[in-house]
Amino acid sequence: MKKAIAAIIFVSFLLSGNIIYGQVVPERPIDISPLLIGEQVPDLALTNIAGESIGLRSILRTSPSIVIFYRGGWCPYCNLYMAELQSIEQDILDMGYQILAVSPDSQENMKASLDKHKLNYQLFSDADMKVAQAFGIAYAVPESSRKRLTDSSGGQNPGQLPVPSVFVLNQQGEILFEYINPNYKKRMDSGLLLAVLRTLR
């Protein structure tokens, strides 16, 4: 009887969206367990603006990278930060880095963000949140907030968001630096990012 009750509880928890792909996804952004500096990032697929599926490691091999996780084009704080990154993109390129911005947005919504904000750097879709989960920065949102995510991801989002994050990676996919703040209103200052990149060179 106890085993049956335990199984029912487990299935209910699974269906609630808190366990996805065998991983426990916390319900609060402050409870995430991100990958740490020195760890290797997973080689999972992202979708580019053309709708092509590309392995993360193959993208990273081209040059050292700054991987930005943001909530989506619907988030005004994200849009401000994306514009701030655009303003320092040339400085970043001059130091030999590339910018990869990742969100749960669908390909169509990524295109809208690219056009609206005149971004030059690469946007990638993680609509099913598998990459954010593997980085350890995904958290489950309340049921009342899930419709927006379903719509913006083309129906693929399991009801989760990434904690806005900045990862600096080398060409082998090793994390050299990270900035992760559960308060989505606070983002890494562009001047501080440039200072970090100069230090890592």
C-alpha atoms as a PDB file:
ATOM      1  CA  MET A   1       0.000   0.000   0.000  1.00  0.00           C
ATOM      2  CA  LYS A   2       2.839   2.391   0.905  1.00  0.00           C
ATOM      3  CA  LYS A   3       4.537   1.671  -2.424  1.00  0.00           C
ATOM      4  CA  ALA A   4       1.300   2.434  -4.284  1.00  0.00           C
ATOM      5  CA  ILE A   5       0.913   5.763  -2.452  1.00  0.00           C
ATOM      6  CA  ALA A   6       4.545   6.651  -3.151  1.00  0.00           C
ATOM      7  CA  ALA A   7       4.065   5.863  -6.855  1.00  0.00           C
ATOM      8  CA  ILE A   8       0.969   8.071  -7.021  1.00  0.00           C
ATOM      9  CA  ILE A   9       2.830  10.951  -5.362  1.00  0.00           C
ATOM     10  CA  PHE A  10       5.749  10.542  -7.765  1.00  0.00           C
ATOM     11  CA  VAL A  11       3.485  10.505 -10.845  1.00  0.00           C
ATOM     12  CA  SER A  12       1.619  13.587  -9.595  1.00  0.00           C
ATOM     13  CA  PHE A  13       4.922  15.402  -9.096  1.00  0.00           C
ATOM     14  CA  LEU A  14       6.076  14.330 -12.548  1.00  0.00           C
ATOM     15  CA  LEU A  15       2.900  15.607 -14.196  1.00  0.00           C
ATOM     16  CA  SER A  16       3.124  18.906 -12.339  1.00  0.00           C
ATOM     17  CA  GLY A  17       6.096  19.900 -14.509  1.00  0.00           C
ATOM     18  CA  ASN A  18       8.651  19.865 -11.700  1.00  0.00           C
ATOM     19  CA  ILE A  19      10.421  16.781 -13.025  1.00  0.00           C
ATOM     20  CA  ILE A  20      11.278  17.097 -16.690  1.00  0.00           C
ATOM     21  CA  TYR A  21      13.476  14.671 -18.612  1.00  0.00           C
ATOM     22  CA  GLY A  22      14.400  12.945 -15.323  1.00  0.00           C
ATOM     23  CA  GLN A  23      15.576  16.184 -13.702  1.00  0.00           C
ATOM     24  CA  VAL A  24      14.102  17.985 -10.735  1.00  0.00           C
ATOM     25  CA  VAL A  25      13.396  21.594 -11.701  1.00  0.00           C
ATOM     26  CA  PRO A  26      13.009  23.911  -8.694  1.00  0.00           C
ATOM     27  CA  GLU A  27       9.975  26.111  -8.292  1.00  0.00           C
ATOM     28  CA  ARG A  28      11.977  29.175  -7.203  1.00  0.00           C
ATOM     29  CA  PRO A  29      14.833  30.845  -9.071  1.00  0.00           C
ATOM     30  CA  ILE A  30      16.869  31.059  -5.859  1.00  0.00           C
ATOM     31  CA  ASP A  31      16.904  27.245  -5.619  1.00  0.00           C
ATOM     32  CA  ILE A  32      18.678  26.489  -8.910  1.00  0.00           C
ATOM     33  CA  SER A  33      21.968  24.521  -8.990  1.00  0.00           C
ATOM     34  CA  PRO A  34      23.945  25.882 -11.958  1.00  0.00           C
ATOM     35  CA  LEU A  35      27.057  24.429 -13.520  1.00  0.00           C
ATOM     36  CA  LEU A  36      30.192  25.851 -11.924  1.00  0.00           C
ATOM     37  CA  ILE A  37      33.329  27.538 -13.213  1.00  0.00           C
ATOM     38  CA  GLY A  38      35.678  24.862 -14.530  1.00  0.00           C
ATOM     39  CA  GLU A  39      32.885  22.490 -15.563  1.00  0.00           C
ATOM     40  CA  GLN A  40      32.151  21.526 -19.169  1.00  0.00           C
ATOM     41  CA  VAL A  41      28.844  22.547 -20.702  1.00  0.00           C
ATOM     42  CA  PRO A  42      26.670  19.846 -22.303  1.00  0.00           C
ATOM     43  CA  ASP A  43      26.578  19.248 -26.039  1.00  0.00           C
ATOM     44  CA  LEU A  44      22.867  19.739 -26.619  1.00  0.00           C
ATOM     45  CA  ALA A  45      21.138  21.144 -29.689  1.00  0.00           C
ATOM     46  CA  LEU A  46      19.934  24.716 -30.115  1.00  0.00           C
ATOM     47  CA  THR A  47      17.810  26.061 -32.970  1.00  0.00           C
ATOM     48  CA  ASN A  48      19.134  29.051 -34.881  1.00  0.00           C
ATOM     49  CA  ILE A  49      17.183  31.836 -36.539  1.00  0.00           C
ATOM     50  CA  ALA A  50      16.981  29.815 -39.772  1.00  0.00           C
ATOM     51  CA  GLY A  51      15.340  26.908 -37.950  1.00  0.00           C
ATOM     52  CA  GLU A  52      18.445  24.696 -38.084  1.00  0.00           C
ATOM     53  CA  SER A  53      19.355  22.466 -35.140  1.00  0.00           C
ATOM     54  CA  ILE A  54      23.015  22.919 -34.172  1.00  0.00           C
ATOM     55  CA  GLY A  55      25.043  21.302 -31.400  1.00  0.00           C
ATOM     56  CA  LEU A  56      26.262  23.781 -28.805  1.00  0.00           C
ATOM     57  CA  ARG A  57      29.811  22.407 -28.811  1.00  0.00           C
ATOM     58  CA  SER A  58      30.117  22.872 -32.576  1.00  0.00           C
ATOM     59  CA  ILE A  59      29.170  26.545 -32.167  1.00  0.00           C
ATOM     60  CA  LEU A  60      31.655  27.012 -29.343  1.00  0.00           C
ATOM     61  CA  ARG A  61      34.529  25.485 -31.305  1.00  0.00           C
ATOM     62  CA  THR A  62      34.596  28.481 -33.654  1.00  0.00           C
ATOM     63  CA  SER A  63      35.743  30.932 -30.933  1.00  0.00           C
ATOM     64  CA  PRO A  64      35.549  31.681 -27.200  1.00  0.00           C
ATOM     65  CA  SER A  65      31.945  32.602 -26.431  1.00  0.00           C
ATOM     66  CA  ILE A  66      29.679  34.607 -24.195  1.00  0.00           C
ATOM     67  CA  VAL A  67      26.440  32.658 -23.750  1.00  0.00           C
ATOM     68  CA  ILE A  68      23.559  34.797 -22.501  1.00  0.00           C
ATOM     69  CA  PHE A  69      20.378  33.142 -21.241  1.00  0.00           C
ATOM     70  CA  TYR A  70      17.385  35.476 -21.249  1.00  0.00           C
ATOM     71  CA  ARG A  71      13.678  35.025 -20.532  1.00  0.00           C
ATOM     72  CA  GLY A  72      12.283  36.017 -23.931  1.00  0.00           C
ATOM     73  CA  GLY A  73      11.441  38.897 -26.228  1.00  0.00           C
ATOM     74  CA  TRP A  74       8.336  39.648 -24.132  1.00  0.00           C
ATOM     75  CA  CYS A  75      10.500  40.635 -21.126  1.00  0.00           C
ATOM     76  CA  PRO A  76      11.308  44.400 -21.059  1.00  0.00           C
ATOM     77  CA  TYR A  77      14.343  43.868 -18.808  1.00  0.00           C
ATOM     78  CA  CYS A  78      15.727  41.334 -21.275  1.00  0.00           C
ATOM     79  CA  ASN A  79      15.165  43.696 -24.188  1.00  0.00           C
ATOM     80  CA  LEU A  80      17.066  46.475 -22.439  1.00  0.00           C
ATOM     81  CA  TYR A  81      19.943  44.132 -21.723  1.00  0.00           C
ATOM     82  CA  MET A  82      20.010  42.798 -25.275  1.00  0.00           C
ATOM     83  CA  ALA A  83      20.311  46.377 -26.537  1.00  0.00           C
ATOM     84  CA  GLU A  84      23.098  47.058 -24.035  1.00  0.00           C
ATOM     85  CA  LEU A  85      24.996  44.021 -25.326  1.00  0.00           C
ATOM     86  CA  GLN A  86      24.546  45.240 -28.884  1.00  0.00           C
ATOM     87  CA  SER A  87      26.224  48.511 -27.909  1.00  0.00           C
ATOM     88  CA  ILE A  88      29.408  46.681 -26.821  1.00  0.00           C
ATOM     89  CA  GLU A  89      29.337  43.896 -29.404  1.00  0.00           C
ATOM     90  CA  GLN A  90      32.209  45.315 -31.453  1.00  0.00           C
ATOM     91  CA  ASP A  91      34.405  45.536 -28.349  1.00  0.00           C
ATOM     92  CA  ILE A  92      33.578  41.905 -27.620  1.00  0.00           C
ATOM     93  CA  LEU A  93      34.344  40.831 -31.190  1.00  0.00           C
ATOM     94  CA  ASP A  94      37.637  42.745 -31.102  1.00  0.00           C
ATOM     95  CA  MET A  95      38.693  40.618 -28.131  1.00  0.00           C
ATOM     96  CA  GLY A  96      37.978  37.443 -30.103  1.00  0.00           C
ATOM     97  CA  TYR A  97      34.680  36.433 -28.503  1.00  0.00           C
ATOM     98  CA  GLN A  98      31.268  35.754 -30.022  1.00  0.00           C
ATOM     99  CA  ILE A  99      27.880  36.391 -28.382  1.00  0.00           C
ATOM    100  CA  LEU A 100      25.251  33.644 -28.281  1.00  0.00           C
ATOM    101  CA  ALA A 101      21.897  34.663 -26.814  1.00  0.00           C
ATOM    102  CA  VAL A 102      19.596  31.803 -25.789  1.00  0.00           C
ATOM    103  CA  SER A 103      15.926  31.979 -24.809  1.00  0.00           C
ATOM    104  CA  PRO A 104      12.792  29.789 -24.772  1.00  0.00           C
ATOM    105  CA  ASP A 105      11.371  31.858 -27.661  1.00  0.00           C
ATOM    106  CA  SER A 106      10.339  30.125 -30.866  1.00  0.00           C
ATOM    107  CA  GLN A 107      12.174  30.771 -34.122  1.00  0.00           C
ATOM    108  CA  GLU A 108       9.469  33.237 -35.202  1.00  0.00           C
ATOM    109  CA  ASN A 109       9.684  35.227 -31.972  1.00  0.00           C
ATOM    110  CA  MET A 110      13.479  35.299 -32.179  1.00  0.00           C
ATOM    111  CA  LYS A 111      13.211  36.833 -35.638  1.00  0.00           C
ATOM    112  CA  ALA A 112      10.846  39.485 -34.280  1.00  0.00           C
ATOM    113  CA  SER A 113      13.354  40.383 -31.531  1.00  0.00           C
ATOM    114  CA  LEU A 114      16.221  40.486 -34.009  1.00  0.00           C
ATOM    115  CA  ASP A 115      14.360  42.863 -36.323  1.00  0.00           C
ATOM    116  CA  LYS A 116      12.839  45.038 -33.605  1.00  0.00           C
ATOM    117  CA  HIS A 117      16.083  45.652 -31.729  1.00  0.00           C
ATOM    118  CA  LYS A 118      18.439  45.492 -34.750  1.00  0.00           C
ATOM    119  CA  LEU A 119      20.667  42.878 -33.148  1.00  0.00           C
ATOM    120  CA  ASN A 120      23.718  41.587 -34.978  1.00  0.00           C
ATOM    121  CA  TYR A 121      24.726  38.765 -32.684  1.00  0.00           C
ATOM    122  CA  GLN A 122      23.343  35.232 -32.831  1.00  0.00           C
ATOM    123  CA  LEU A 123      20.038  34.244 -31.214  1.00  0.00           C
ATOM    124  CA  PHE A 124      19.218  30.627 -30.445  1.00  0.00           C
ATOM    125  CA  SER A 125      16.016  28.947 -29.326  1.00  0.00           C
ATOM    126  CA  ASP A 126      15.880  26.567 -26.372  1.00  0.00           C
ATOM    127  CA  ALA A 127      12.114  26.290 -26.597  1.00  0.00           C
ATOM    128  CA  ASP A 128      11.878  22.975 -24.727  1.00  0.00           C
ATOM    129  CA  MET A 129      14.285  24.261 -22.032  1.00  0.00           C
ATOM    130  CA  LYS A 130      16.583  21.225 -22.266  1.00  0.00           C
ATOM    131  CA  VAL A 131      19.735  23.344 -22.503  1.00  0.00           C
ATOM    132  CA  ALA A 132      18.744  25.618 -19.601  1.00  0.00           C
ATOM    133  CA  GLN A 133      17.954  22.513 -17.542  1.00  0.00           C
ATOM    134  CA  ALA A 134      21.360  21.016 -18.348  1.00  0.00           C
ATOM    135  CA  PHE A 135      23.060  24.273 -17.300  1.00  0.00           C
ATOM    136  CA  GLY A 136      21.104  24.036 -14.034  1.00  0.00           C
ATOM    137  CA  ILE A 137      19.396  27.419 -14.400  1.00  0.00           C
ATOM    138  CA  ALA A 138      15.800  26.369 -15.194  1.00  0.00           C
ATOM    139  CA  TYR A 139      12.960  26.835 -12.726  1.00  0.00           C
ATOM    140  CA  ALA A 140       9.239  26.053 -12.919  1.00  0.00           C
ATOM    141  CA  VAL A 141       6.813  28.972 -13.108  1.00  0.00           C
ATOM    142  CA  PRO A 142       3.322  28.997 -11.547  1.00  0.00           C
ATOM    143  CA  GLU A 143       0.477  27.611 -13.614  1.00  0.00           C
ATOM    144  CA  SER A 144      -0.937  31.117 -14.055  1.00  0.00           C
ATOM    145  CA  SER A 145       2.221  32.206 -15.936  1.00  0.00           C
ATOM    146  CA  ARG A 146       2.522  29.266 -18.308  1.00  0.00           C
ATOM    147  CA  LYS A 147       0.270  30.398 -21.154  1.00  0.00           C
ATOM    148  CA  ARG A 148       2.650  33.214 -22.109  1.00  0.00           C
ATOM    149  CA  LEU A 149       5.524  30.731 -22.249  1.00  0.00           C
ATOM    150  CA  THR A 150       3.506  28.230 -24.277  1.00  0.00           C
ATOM    151  CA  ASP A 151       2.634  30.941 -26.795  1.00  0.00           C
ATOM    152  CA  SER A 152       6.139  32.420 -27.036  1.00  0.00           C
ATOM    153  CA  SER A 153       7.790  29.006 -27.485  1.00  0.00           C
ATOM    154  CA  GLY A 154       5.429  27.639 -30.118  1.00  0.00           C
ATOM    155  CA  GLY A 155       3.920  25.225 -27.596  1.00  0.00           C
ATOM    156  CA  GLN A 156       7.209  23.589 -26.591  1.00  0.00           C
ATOM    157  CA  ASN A 157       7.955  25.184 -23.227  1.00  0.00           C
ATOM    158  CA  PRO A 158       7.157  22.821 -20.298  1.00  0.00           C
ATOM    159  CA  GLY A 159       6.346  25.755 -18.015  1.00  0.00           C
ATOM    160  CA  GLN A 160       9.845  26.918 -17.143  1.00  0.00           C
ATOM    161  CA  LEU A 161      12.138  29.928 -17.423  1.00  0.00           C
ATOM    162  CA  PRO A 162      15.901  30.303 -17.297  1.00  0.00           C
ATOM    163  CA  VAL A 163      17.374  32.480 -14.577  1.00  0.00           C
ATOM    164  CA  PRO A 164      19.031  35.276 -16.616  1.00  0.00           C
ATOM    165  CA  SER A 165      22.700  34.299 -16.828  1.00  0.00           C
ATOM    166  CA  VAL A 166      26.013  35.104 -18.467  1.00  0.00           C
ATOM    167  CA  PHE A 167      28.541  32.317 -19.119  1.00  0.00           C
ATOM    168  CA  VAL A 168      31.979  32.900 -20.627  1.00  0.00           C
ATOM    169  CA  LEU A 169      33.230  29.705 -22.279  1.00  0.00           C
ATOM    170  CA  ASN A 170      36.399  28.644 -24.046  1.00  0.00           C
ATOM    171  CA  GLN A 171      36.420  26.669 -27.293  1.00  0.00           C
ATOM    172  CA  GLN A 172      36.410  23.383 -25.392  1.00  0.00           C
ATOM    173  CA  GLY A 173      33.144  24.295 -23.669  1.00  0.00           C
ATOM    174  CA  GLU A 174      34.718  24.944 -20.262  1.00  0.00           C
ATOM    175  CA  ILE A 175      33.125  27.635 -18.093  1.00  0.00           C
ATOM    176  CA  LEU A 176      35.644  30.403 -17.386  1.00  0.00           C
ATOM    177  CA  PHE A 177      33.245  32.843 -15.722  1.00  0.00           C
ATOM    178  CA  GLU A 178      29.569  33.079 -14.869  1.00  0.00           C
ATOM    179  CA  TYR A 179      27.119  35.661 -13.599  1.00  0.00           C
ATOM    180  CA  ILE A 180      23.744  34.327 -12.426  1.00  0.00           C
ATOM    181  CA  ASN A 181      21.210  36.466 -10.593  1.00  0.00           C
ATOM    182  CA  PRO A 182      17.791  35.109  -9.523  1.00  0.00           C
ATOM    183  CA  ASN A 183      16.511  38.709  -9.557  1.00  0.00           C
ATOM    184  CA  TYR A 184      15.628  39.086 -13.248  1.00  0.00           C
ATOM    185  CA  LYS A 185      15.605  42.879 -12.909  1.00  0.00           C
ATOM    186  CA  LYS A 186      19.361  42.948 -12.223  1.00  0.00           C
ATOM    187  CA  ARG A 187      21.726  42.149 -15.108  1.00  0.00           C
ATOM    188  CA  MET A 188      25.491  42.130 -15.433  1.00  0.00           C
ATOM    189  CA  ASP A 189      26.776  45.607 -16.228  1.00  0.00           C
ATOM    190  CA  SER A 190      28.293  45.825 -19.719  1.00  0.00           C
ATOM    191  CA  GLY A 191      31.398  47.583 -18.387  1.00  0.00           C
ATOM    192  CA  LEU A 192      31.955  44.788 -15.880  1.00  0.00           C
ATOM    193  CA  LEU A 193      31.553  42.182 -18.626  1.00  0.00           C
ATOM    194  CA  LEU A 194      34.199  43.895 -20.750  1.00  0.00           C
ATOM    195  CA  ALA A 195      36.527  44.052 -17.724  1.00  0.00           C
ATOM    196  CA  VAL A 196      36.063  40.310 -17.138  1.00  0.00           C
ATOM    197  CA  LEU A 197      36.781  39.510 -20.773  1.00  0.00           C
ATOM    198  CA  ARG A 198      39.976  41.576 -20.711  1.00  0.00           C
ATOM    199  CA  THR A 199      41.090  39.725 -17.586  1.00  0.00           C
ATOM    200  CA  LEU A 200      40.462  36.323 -19.185  1.00  0.00           C
ATOM    201  CA  ARG A 201      42.426  37.087 -22.358  1.00  0.00           C
END
